[in-house]
Amino acid sequence: MAIKNMLVPVGDIVHDESAIGTALLLAELFGGHADCLFVSGDVSDMIPAGAMGLFEAIHGQMSREFEEDRERQCTLARQRFVEMLSDRKIDNRETTLPAEMPSASWATASGAASEVVAARGGAYDLIVVGPANADQATVGEMSAEAALFRTGRPVLIAPPVVPQSVGENVVIGWNRSASAARAVAAALPFLVSSRSVTVVAVKTGAKQGPAPQDIAKYLSWHDVSTEVVEIEPDHRAVGEVLLEEASGFEADLLVMGAYSHSRLRELILGGVTRHVLQNAQVPLLMVH
């Protein structure tokens, strides 16, 4: 199955330009469509809970400044979107065509990114988001969390810079979990046309499930040849191992399951997931 329609939540173009560029690359690869959606957010997100009783005039001023800033951000992001379509000679349209021609469209939505993506994401093959930022919450990170845990759809986290290719050399981070199995299934559109696929497993013994050799056999039924690499635990965290292996194999796609250990708020991602999200330099395909 090809990837035909993608949702691309956008906030700050500085952080999210790579998400648009990566989605356009995938639209060309699969003859698909990228719905780029600028999420305006909500001024209440910018006001501390203890300050919600501000004088009406101050609250109104903050709201106006917020709206002006978001309008400016939207204008800049849309201009860059149009430039990127022109550079790649991709149609700006919303309707499907009989021919498998790549296309993209632009729209805006108000509200928190997590709620917008949770409400819309289930109607897409893939949700493409910008990279996480360790210093501040971004639309990309909030969208990724909502998409992973509230839509049932695979998520592709773009690297900081738009890649030259996606899915030619793939590394699968295998930990025997159900989420990892779902990630492998979601990655099949990439795997069947890849040049190389490597299944990397760290021998932690933490989970019970199919061995990496079983996943290699599964993929062989889809005419996907794989190499299995099993690594003994050492001083490195599992997330570090996966990123180093992806770099060593010159991967342009890392596939892994996403999971959390706690839900103190809407969700808190597990250590391996968060480390990879915040440090990956290659496209990252995740499924919960």
C-alpha atoms as a PDB file:
ATOM      1  CA  MET A   1       0.000   0.000   0.000  1.00  0.00           C
ATOM      2  CA  ALA A   2       1.375   3.412  -0.953  1.00  0.00           C
ATOM      3  CA  ILE A   3       1.165   6.482   1.245  1.00  0.00           C
ATOM      4  CA  LYS A   4      -1.366   8.713  -0.481  1.00  0.00           C
ATOM      5  CA  ASN A   5      -2.418  11.417   1.955  1.00  0.00           C
ATOM      6  CA  MET A   6      -0.409  13.071   4.703  1.00  0.00           C
ATOM      7  CA  LEU A   7      -1.228  15.609   7.400  1.00  0.00           C
ATOM      8  CA  VAL A   8       1.564  18.122   8.082  1.00  0.00           C
ATOM      9  CA  PRO A   9       0.906  20.330  11.170  1.00  0.00           C
ATOM     10  CA  VAL A  10       2.872  23.585  11.011  1.00  0.00           C
ATOM     11  CA  GLY A  11       3.580  26.273  13.605  1.00  0.00           C
ATOM     12  CA  ASP A  12       6.872  28.156  13.432  1.00  0.00           C
ATOM     13  CA  ILE A  13       8.339  27.800   9.926  1.00  0.00           C
ATOM     14  CA  VAL A  14      11.858  27.836  11.398  1.00  0.00           C
ATOM     15  CA  HIS A  15      11.114  24.550  13.178  1.00  0.00           C
ATOM     16  CA  ASP A  16       8.651  23.078  10.700  1.00  0.00           C
ATOM     17  CA  GLU A  17      10.086  23.815   7.254  1.00  0.00           C
ATOM     18  CA  SER A  18      11.752  20.404   7.268  1.00  0.00           C
ATOM     19  CA  ALA A  19       8.363  18.757   7.892  1.00  0.00           C
ATOM     20  CA  ILE A  20       6.911  20.431   4.789  1.00  0.00           C
ATOM     21  CA  GLY A  21       9.969  19.569   2.692  1.00  0.00           C
ATOM     22  CA  THR A  22      10.000  15.951   3.865  1.00  0.00           C
ATOM     23  CA  ALA A  23       6.279  15.558   3.164  1.00  0.00           C
ATOM     24  CA  LEU A  24       6.711  16.990  -0.339  1.00  0.00           C
ATOM     25  CA  LEU A  25       9.534  14.507  -0.932  1.00  0.00           C
ATOM     26  CA  LEU A  26       7.203  11.681   0.110  1.00  0.00           C
ATOM     27  CA  ALA A  27       4.426  13.064  -2.108  1.00  0.00           C
ATOM     28  CA  GLU A  28       6.822  12.771  -5.043  1.00  0.00           C
ATOM     29  CA  LEU A  29       7.924   9.297  -3.972  1.00  0.00           C
ATOM     30  CA  PHE A  30       4.412   7.871  -3.638  1.00  0.00           C
ATOM     31  CA  GLY A  31       2.424  10.126  -5.955  1.00  0.00           C
ATOM     32  CA  GLY A  32       0.583  11.398  -2.890  1.00  0.00           C
ATOM     33  CA  HIS A  33      -0.783  14.538  -1.285  1.00  0.00           C
ATOM     34  CA  ALA A  34       0.411  16.651   1.664  1.00  0.00           C
ATOM     35  CA  ASP A  35      -2.193  18.623   3.630  1.00  0.00           C
ATOM     36  CA  CYS A  36      -0.157  21.363   5.315  1.00  0.00           C
ATOM     37  CA  LEU A  37      -2.118  22.762   8.240  1.00  0.00           C
ATOM     38  CA  PHE A  38      -1.014  25.886  10.100  1.00  0.00           C
ATOM     39  CA  VAL A  39      -2.131  25.494  13.726  1.00  0.00           C
ATOM     40  CA  SER A  40      -2.635  28.883  15.348  1.00  0.00           C
ATOM     41  CA  GLY A  41      -2.731  27.700  18.954  1.00  0.00           C
ATOM     42  CA  ASP A  42      -4.619  29.332  21.798  1.00  0.00           C
ATOM     43  CA  VAL A  43      -3.653  32.398  23.799  1.00  0.00           C
ATOM     44  CA  SER A  44      -4.562  30.574  27.022  1.00  0.00           C
ATOM     45  CA  ASP A  45      -1.554  28.334  26.394  1.00  0.00           C
ATOM     46  CA  MET A  46       0.674  31.394  26.760  1.00  0.00           C
ATOM     47  CA  ILE A  47      -0.800  32.594  30.092  1.00  0.00           C
ATOM     48  CA  PRO A  48       0.206  30.801  33.325  1.00  0.00           C
ATOM     49  CA  ALA A  49      -2.720  29.157  35.084  1.00  0.00           C
ATOM     50  CA  GLY A  50      -2.236  31.358  38.155  1.00  0.00           C
ATOM     51  CA  ALA A  51      -2.514  34.508  36.057  1.00  0.00           C
ATOM     52  CA  MET A  52      -5.815  33.760  34.338  1.00  0.00           C
ATOM     53  CA  GLY A  53      -7.466  36.389  36.577  1.00  0.00           C
ATOM     54  CA  LEU A  54      -5.528  39.246  34.982  1.00  0.00           C
ATOM     55  CA  PHE A  55      -7.268  42.556  34.463  1.00  0.00           C
ATOM     56  CA  GLU A  56      -9.436  42.413  31.380  1.00  0.00           C
ATOM     57  CA  ALA A  57      -7.396  45.132  29.636  1.00  0.00           C
ATOM     58  CA  ILE A  58      -4.100  43.262  30.151  1.00  0.00           C
ATOM     59  CA  HIS A  59      -5.642  39.992  29.080  1.00  0.00           C
ATOM     60  CA  GLY A  60      -7.046  41.663  25.988  1.00  0.00           C
ATOM     61  CA  GLN A  61      -3.684  43.186  25.103  1.00  0.00           C
ATOM     62  CA  MET A  62      -1.964  39.803  25.421  1.00  0.00           C
ATOM     63  CA  SER A  63      -4.632  38.247  23.216  1.00  0.00           C
ATOM     64  CA  ARG A  64      -4.168  40.904  20.521  1.00  0.00           C
ATOM     65  CA  GLU A  65      -0.380  40.520  20.575  1.00  0.00           C
ATOM     66  CA  PHE A  66      -0.752  36.754  20.366  1.00  0.00           C
ATOM     67  CA  GLU A  67      -3.115  36.980  17.383  1.00  0.00           C
ATOM     68  CA  GLU A  68      -0.832  39.434  15.577  1.00  0.00           C
ATOM     69  CA  ASP A  69       2.185  37.192  16.119  1.00  0.00           C
ATOM     70  CA  ARG A  70       0.358  34.086  14.899  1.00  0.00           C
ATOM     71  CA  GLU A  71      -0.920  35.919  11.825  1.00  0.00           C
ATOM     72  CA  ARG A  72       2.633  36.992  11.029  1.00  0.00           C
ATOM     73  CA  GLN A  73       3.906  33.449  11.529  1.00  0.00           C
ATOM     74  CA  CYS A  74       1.161  32.076   9.293  1.00  0.00           C
ATOM     75  CA  THR A  75       1.991  34.528   6.509  1.00  0.00           C
ATOM     76  CA  LEU A  76       5.693  33.633   6.627  1.00  0.00           C
ATOM     77  CA  ALA A  77       4.955  29.909   6.677  1.00  0.00           C
ATOM     78  CA  ARG A  78       2.533  30.101   3.749  1.00  0.00           C
ATOM     79  CA  GLN A  79       4.999  32.113   1.683  1.00  0.00           C
ATOM     80  CA  ARG A  80       7.685  29.503   2.249  1.00  0.00           C
ATOM     81  CA  PHE A  81       5.206  26.721   1.448  1.00  0.00           C
ATOM     82  CA  VAL A  82       4.407  28.336  -1.922  1.00  0.00           C
ATOM     83  CA  GLU A  83       8.125  28.756  -2.680  1.00  0.00           C
ATOM     84  CA  MET A  84       8.808  25.094  -1.901  1.00  0.00           C
ATOM     85  CA  LEU A  85       5.987  23.953  -4.197  1.00  0.00           C
ATOM     86  CA  SER A  86       7.386  26.130  -6.974  1.00  0.00           C
ATOM     87  CA  ASP A  87      10.914  24.775  -6.472  1.00  0.00           C
ATOM     88  CA  ARG A  88       9.662  21.184  -6.743  1.00  0.00           C
ATOM     89  CA  LYS A  89       7.024  21.926  -9.413  1.00  0.00           C
ATOM     90  CA  ILE A  90       4.286  20.370  -7.261  1.00  0.00           C
ATOM     91  CA  ASP A  91       0.615  21.287  -7.761  1.00  0.00           C
ATOM     92  CA  ASN A  92      -1.185  23.315  -5.092  1.00  0.00           C
ATOM     93  CA  ARG A  93      -4.621  21.652  -5.067  1.00  0.00           C
ATOM     94  CA  GLU A  94      -7.010  19.729  -2.842  1.00  0.00           C
ATOM     95  CA  THR A  95      -8.762  17.473  -5.350  1.00  0.00           C
ATOM     96  CA  THR A  96      -7.519  14.050  -6.412  1.00  0.00           C
ATOM     97  CA  LEU A  97      -6.559  13.322  -9.994  1.00  0.00           C
ATOM     98  CA  PRO A  98      -6.577   9.999 -11.869  1.00  0.00           C
ATOM     99  CA  ALA A  99      -2.857  10.303 -12.515  1.00  0.00           C
ATOM    100  CA  GLU A 100      -0.484   9.744  -9.587  1.00  0.00           C
ATOM    101  CA  MET A 101       0.796  13.298  -9.548  1.00  0.00           C
ATOM    102  CA  PRO A 102       2.145  14.749  -6.280  1.00  0.00           C
ATOM    103  CA  SER A 103       0.208  17.634  -4.781  1.00  0.00           C
ATOM    104  CA  ALA A 104      -0.132  19.712  -1.637  1.00  0.00           C
ATOM    105  CA  SER A 105      -2.559  22.171  -0.061  1.00  0.00           C
ATOM    106  CA  TRP A 106      -2.578  24.791   2.686  1.00  0.00           C
ATOM    107  CA  ALA A 107      -5.160  25.458   5.393  1.00  0.00           C
ATOM    108  CA  THR A 108      -5.315  26.956   8.883  1.00  0.00           C
ATOM    109  CA  ALA A 109      -6.876  25.733  12.118  1.00  0.00           C
ATOM    110  CA  SER A 110      -7.294  27.349  15.527  1.00  0.00           C
ATOM    111  CA  GLY A 111      -6.729  25.614  18.823  1.00  0.00           C
ATOM    112  CA  ALA A 112      -3.986  23.600  20.477  1.00  0.00           C
ATOM    113  CA  ALA A 113      -1.941  21.431  18.123  1.00  0.00           C
ATOM    114  CA  SER A 114      -2.572  18.291  20.175  1.00  0.00           C
ATOM    115  CA  GLU A 115      -6.349  18.709  19.939  1.00  0.00           C
ATOM    116  CA  VAL A 116      -6.348  19.630  16.236  1.00  0.00           C
ATOM    117  CA  VAL A 117      -4.200  16.632  15.309  1.00  0.00           C
ATOM    118  CA  ALA A 118      -6.184  14.262  17.543  1.00  0.00           C
ATOM    119  CA  ALA A 119      -9.400  15.369  15.829  1.00  0.00           C
ATOM    120  CA  ARG A 120      -8.119  15.158  12.244  1.00  0.00           C
ATOM    121  CA  GLY A 121      -5.176  12.761  12.159  1.00  0.00           C
ATOM    122  CA  GLY A 122      -7.101   9.510  11.883  1.00  0.00           C
ATOM    123  CA  ALA A 123      -8.177  10.402   8.318  1.00  0.00           C
ATOM    124  CA  TYR A 124      -4.600  10.230   6.925  1.00  0.00           C
ATOM    125  CA  ASP A 125      -2.135   7.523   5.956  1.00  0.00           C
ATOM    126  CA  LEU A 126       0.713   9.328   7.700  1.00  0.00           C
ATOM    127  CA  ILE A 127       1.284  12.377   9.902  1.00  0.00           C
ATOM    128  CA  VAL A 128       4.524  14.258   9.201  1.00  0.00           C
ATOM    129  CA  VAL A 129       5.825  16.624  11.883  1.00  0.00           C
ATOM    130  CA  GLY A 130       8.862  18.792  12.497  1.00  0.00           C
ATOM    131  CA  PRO A 131      11.698  17.788  14.834  1.00  0.00           C
ATOM    132  CA  ALA A 132      11.422  18.105  18.593  1.00  0.00           C
ATOM    133  CA  ASN A 133      13.215  20.889  20.417  1.00  0.00           C
ATOM    134  CA  ALA A 134      14.772  20.142  23.799  1.00  0.00           C
ATOM    135  CA  ASP A 135      14.413  23.774  24.924  1.00  0.00           C
ATOM    136  CA  GLN A 136      10.741  24.401  24.170  1.00  0.00           C
ATOM    137  CA  ALA A 137       7.535  22.663  23.162  1.00  0.00           C
ATOM    138  CA  THR A 138       6.890  22.907  19.427  1.00  0.00           C
ATOM    139  CA  VAL A 139       3.880  22.234  17.232  1.00  0.00           C
ATOM    140  CA  GLY A 140       5.825  19.279  15.845  1.00  0.00           C
ATOM    141  CA  GLU A 141       6.393  17.654  19.229  1.00  0.00           C
ATOM    142  CA  MET A 142       2.839  18.291  20.485  1.00  0.00           C
ATOM    143  CA  SER A 143       1.478  16.965  17.196  1.00  0.00           C
ATOM    144  CA  ALA A 144       3.688  13.872  17.354  1.00  0.00           C
ATOM    145  CA  GLU A 145       2.516  12.987  20.857  1.00  0.00           C
ATOM    146  CA  ALA A 146      -1.166  13.450  19.946  1.00  0.00           C
ATOM    147  CA  ALA A 147      -0.764  11.543  16.694  1.00  0.00           C
ATOM    148  CA  LEU A 148       1.029   8.614  18.296  1.00  0.00           C
ATOM    149  CA  PHE A 149      -1.330   8.125  21.207  1.00  0.00           C
ATOM    150  CA  ARG A 150      -4.680   9.447  19.951  1.00  0.00           C
ATOM    151  CA  THR A 151      -5.008   8.735  16.216  1.00  0.00           C
ATOM    152  CA  GLY A 152      -3.739   5.200  15.659  1.00  0.00           C
ATOM    153  CA  ARG A 153      -1.754   6.461  12.658  1.00  0.00           C
ATOM    154  CA  PRO A 154       1.989   6.253  11.965  1.00  0.00           C
ATOM    155  CA  VAL A 155       4.044   9.399  12.478  1.00  0.00           C
ATOM    156  CA  LEU A 156       7.118  10.489  10.576  1.00  0.00           C
ATOM    157  CA  ILE A 157       9.305  12.970  12.442  1.00  0.00           C
ATOM    158  CA  ALA A 158      11.354  15.004   9.987  1.00  0.00           C
ATOM    159  CA  PRO A 159      15.032  15.690  10.731  1.00  0.00           C
ATOM    160  CA  PRO A 160      16.262  19.269  11.297  1.00  0.00           C
ATOM    161  CA  VAL A 161      17.215  19.561   7.600  1.00  0.00           C
ATOM    162  CA  VAL A 162      15.117  18.276   4.686  1.00  0.00           C
ATOM    163  CA  PRO A 163      16.694  14.946   3.643  1.00  0.00           C
ATOM    164  CA  GLN A 164      17.790  14.083   0.118  1.00  0.00           C
ATOM    165  CA  SER A 165      15.998  10.729   0.311  1.00  0.00           C
ATOM    166  CA  VAL A 166      13.721   8.735   2.608  1.00  0.00           C
ATOM    167  CA  GLY A 167      13.615   4.954   2.798  1.00  0.00           C
ATOM    168  CA  GLU A 168      16.537   3.899   0.620  1.00  0.00           C
ATOM    169  CA  ASN A 169      18.575   2.624   3.588  1.00  0.00           C
ATOM    170  CA  VAL A 170      16.345   1.671   6.520  1.00  0.00           C
ATOM    171  CA  VAL A 171      17.217   0.710  10.084  1.00  0.00           C
ATOM    172  CA  ILE A 172      14.511  -0.947  12.200  1.00  0.00           C
ATOM    173  CA  GLY A 173      14.893  -0.625  15.970  1.00  0.00           C
ATOM    174  CA  TRP A 174      13.443  -3.925  17.161  1.00  0.00           C
ATOM    175  CA  ASN A 175      12.553  -4.485  20.843  1.00  0.00           C
ATOM    176  CA  ARG A 176       9.988  -7.316  20.444  1.00  0.00           C
ATOM    177  CA  SER A 177       7.063  -5.060  21.410  1.00  0.00           C
ATOM    178  CA  ALA A 178       3.651  -4.778  19.788  1.00  0.00           C
ATOM    179  CA  SER A 179       4.335  -1.117  18.961  1.00  0.00           C
ATOM    180  CA  ALA A 180       7.544  -2.099  17.144  1.00  0.00           C
ATOM    181  CA  ALA A 181       5.588  -4.705  15.152  1.00  0.00           C
ATOM    182  CA  ARG A 182       3.030  -2.076  14.163  1.00  0.00           C
ATOM    183  CA  ALA A 183       5.849   0.255  13.129  1.00  0.00           C
ATOM    184  CA  VAL A 184       7.353  -2.395  10.849  1.00  0.00           C
ATOM    185  CA  ALA A 185       3.961  -2.992   9.216  1.00  0.00           C
ATOM    186  CA  ALA A 186       3.459   0.767   8.735  1.00  0.00           C
ATOM    187  CA  ALA A 187       6.909   1.027   7.144  1.00  0.00           C
ATOM    188  CA  LEU A 188       6.187  -1.584   4.435  1.00  0.00           C
ATOM    189  CA  PRO A 189       5.555   1.060   1.721  1.00  0.00           C
ATOM    190  CA  PHE A 190       9.157   2.176   2.277  1.00  0.00           C
ATOM    191  CA  LEU A 191      10.670  -1.260   2.869  1.00  0.00           C
ATOM    192  CA  VAL A 192       9.460  -2.898  -0.341  1.00  0.00           C
ATOM    193  CA  SER A 193      11.342  -0.346  -2.450  1.00  0.00           C
ATOM    194  CA  SER A 194      14.403   0.128  -0.218  1.00  0.00           C
ATOM    195  CA  ARG A 195      17.972  -0.742  -1.147  1.00  0.00           C
ATOM    196  CA  SER A 196      18.903  -2.066   2.301  1.00  0.00           C
ATOM    197  CA  VAL A 197      17.088  -2.912   5.533  1.00  0.00           C
ATOM    198  CA  THR A 198      18.844  -3.643   8.830  1.00  0.00           C
ATOM    199  CA  VAL A 199      17.048  -4.930  11.922  1.00  0.00           C
ATOM    200  CA  VAL A 200      18.904  -3.739  15.029  1.00  0.00           C
ATOM    201  CA  ALA A 201      18.112  -5.345  18.390  1.00  0.00           C
ATOM    202  CA  VAL A 202      19.708  -4.646  21.774  1.00  0.00           C
ATOM    203  CA  LYS A 203      19.693  -7.797  23.893  1.00  0.00           C
ATOM    204  CA  THR A 204      18.045  -6.335  26.983  1.00  0.00           C
ATOM    205  CA  GLY A 205      15.604  -9.184  27.599  1.00  0.00           C
ATOM    206  CA  ALA A 206      13.054  -6.611  28.705  1.00  0.00           C
ATOM    207  CA  LYS A 207      10.224  -7.804  26.460  1.00  0.00           C
ATOM    208  CA  GLN A 208       8.842 -11.066  25.173  1.00  0.00           C
ATOM    209  CA  GLY A 209       7.949 -11.235  21.507  1.00  0.00           C
ATOM    210  CA  PRO A 210       9.263 -12.236  18.082  1.00  0.00           C
ATOM    211  CA  ALA A 211      13.033 -12.429  17.739  1.00  0.00           C
ATOM    212  CA  PRO A 212      14.679 -10.139  15.169  1.00  0.00           C
ATOM    213  CA  GLN A 213      15.208 -13.184  12.943  1.00  0.00           C
ATOM    214  CA  ASP A 214      11.432 -13.710  12.938  1.00  0.00           C
ATOM    215  CA  ILE A 215      10.946 -10.146  11.694  1.00  0.00           C
ATOM    216  CA  ALA A 216      13.503 -10.753   8.957  1.00  0.00           C
ATOM    217  CA  LYS A 217      11.557 -13.856   7.896  1.00  0.00           C
ATOM    218  CA  TYR A 218       8.276 -11.908   7.961  1.00  0.00           C
ATOM    219  CA  LEU A 219       9.755  -9.265   5.690  1.00  0.00           C
ATOM    220  CA  SER A 220      11.110 -11.908   3.313  1.00  0.00           C
ATOM    221  CA  TRP A 221       7.496 -12.787   2.456  1.00  0.00           C
ATOM    222  CA  HIS A 222       7.224  -9.224   1.167  1.00  0.00           C
ATOM    223  CA  ASP A 223      10.426  -9.645  -0.898  1.00  0.00           C
ATOM    224  CA  VAL A 224      12.368  -7.463   1.531  1.00  0.00           C
ATOM    225  CA  SER A 225      15.898  -8.714   2.231  1.00  0.00           C
ATOM    226  CA  THR A 226      17.215  -7.802   5.669  1.00  0.00           C
ATOM    227  CA  GLU A 227      20.351  -7.986   7.770  1.00  0.00           C
ATOM    228  CA  VAL A 228      19.983  -8.690  11.499  1.00  0.00           C
ATOM    229  CA  VAL A 229      22.341  -7.026  13.977  1.00  0.00           C
ATOM    230  CA  GLU A 230      22.088  -7.990  17.648  1.00  0.00           C
ATOM    231  CA  ILE A 231      23.994  -5.864  20.149  1.00  0.00           C
ATOM    232  CA  GLU A 232      25.014  -6.753  23.689  1.00  0.00           C
ATOM    233  CA  PRO A 233      24.078  -4.129  26.294  1.00  0.00           C
ATOM    234  CA  ASP A 234      26.874  -1.741  27.258  1.00  0.00           C
ATOM    235  CA  HIS A 235      27.218   1.693  28.888  1.00  0.00           C
ATOM    236  CA  ARG A 236      25.076   3.328  26.182  1.00  0.00           C
ATOM    237  CA  ALA A 237      21.329   3.888  26.475  1.00  0.00           C
ATOM    238  CA  VAL A 238      19.181   2.032  23.947  1.00  0.00           C
ATOM    239  CA  GLY A 239      18.256   5.289  22.233  1.00  0.00           C
ATOM    240  CA  GLU A 240      21.932   6.131  21.763  1.00  0.00           C
ATOM    241  CA  VAL A 241      22.591   2.697  20.271  1.00  0.00           C
ATOM    242  CA  LEU A 242      19.786   3.053  17.717  1.00  0.00           C
ATOM    243  CA  LEU A 243      20.932   6.493  16.589  1.00  0.00           C
ATOM    244  CA  GLU A 244      24.567   5.396  16.323  1.00  0.00           C
ATOM    245  CA  GLU A 245      23.616   2.316  14.318  1.00  0.00           C
ATOM    246  CA  ALA A 246      21.424   4.402  12.030  1.00  0.00           C
ATOM    247  CA  SER A 247      24.363   6.718  11.411  1.00  0.00           C
ATOM    248  CA  GLY A 248      26.753   3.815  10.861  1.00  0.00           C
ATOM    249  CA  PHE A 249      24.514   2.257   8.218  1.00  0.00           C
ATOM    250  CA  GLU A 250      23.941   5.685   6.617  1.00  0.00           C
ATOM    251  CA  ALA A 251      20.213   5.196   7.118  1.00  0.00           C
ATOM    252  CA  ASP A 252      17.753   7.691   5.702  1.00  0.00           C
ATOM    253  CA  LEU A 253      14.900   6.217   7.742  1.00  0.00           C
ATOM    254  CA  LEU A 254      14.775   4.845  11.296  1.00  0.00           C
ATOM    255  CA  VAL A 255      11.708   2.771  12.203  1.00  0.00           C
ATOM    256  CA  MET A 256      10.689   2.022  15.792  1.00  0.00           C
ATOM    257  CA  GLY A 257       7.752   1.680  18.132  1.00  0.00           C
ATOM    258  CA  ALA A 258       6.820   4.468  20.543  1.00  0.00           C
ATOM    259  CA  TYR A 259       5.789   3.863  24.098  1.00  0.00           C
ATOM    260  CA  SER A 260       5.324   5.725  27.377  1.00  0.00           C
ATOM    261  CA  HIS A 261       5.900   4.824  31.004  1.00  0.00           C
ATOM    262  CA  SER A 262       3.626   7.386  32.598  1.00  0.00           C
ATOM    263  CA  ARG A 263       0.612   9.614  31.986  1.00  0.00           C
ATOM    264  CA  LEU A 264       1.083  12.419  34.488  1.00  0.00           C
ATOM    265  CA  ARG A 265      -0.386  14.835  31.942  1.00  0.00           C
ATOM    266  CA  GLU A 266      -1.769  13.918  28.533  1.00  0.00           C
ATOM    267  CA  LEU A 267       1.247  11.650  28.152  1.00  0.00           C
ATOM    268  CA  ILE A 268       4.935  11.499  28.919  1.00  0.00           C
ATOM    269  CA  LEU A 269       6.998   9.593  26.403  1.00  0.00           C
ATOM    270  CA  GLY A 270       9.340   6.858  27.548  1.00  0.00           C
ATOM    271  CA  GLY A 271      13.088   7.515  27.805  1.00  0.00           C
ATOM    272  CA  VAL A 272      14.121   5.726  24.603  1.00  0.00           C
ATOM    273  CA  THR A 273      11.355   7.375  22.585  1.00  0.00           C
ATOM    274  CA  ARG A 274      12.088  10.876  23.875  1.00  0.00           C
ATOM    275  CA  HIS A 275      15.855  10.539  23.405  1.00  0.00           C
ATOM    276  CA  VAL A 276      15.464   9.471  19.795  1.00  0.00           C
ATOM    277  CA  LEU A 277      12.824  12.137  19.110  1.00  0.00           C
ATOM    278  CA  GLN A 278      15.080  14.921  20.358  1.00  0.00           C
ATOM    279  CA  ASN A 279      18.327  13.719  18.783  1.00  0.00           C
ATOM    280  CA  ALA A 280      17.533  11.995  15.485  1.00  0.00           C
ATOM    281  CA  GLN A 281      19.236  13.469  12.422  1.00  0.00           C
ATOM    282  CA  VAL A 282      17.359  11.200  10.004  1.00  0.00           C
ATOM    283  CA  PRO A 283      13.629  10.753   9.324  1.00  0.00           C
ATOM    284  CA  LEU A 284      12.033   8.722  12.104  1.00  0.00           C
ATOM    285  CA  LEU A 285       8.921   6.581  11.573  1.00  0.00           C
ATOM    286  CA  MET A 286       7.074   5.734  14.781  1.00  0.00           C
ATOM    287  CA  VAL A 287       3.868   3.928  15.750  1.00  0.00           C
ATOM    288  CA  HIS A 288       2.440   3.378  19.211  1.00  0.00           C
END
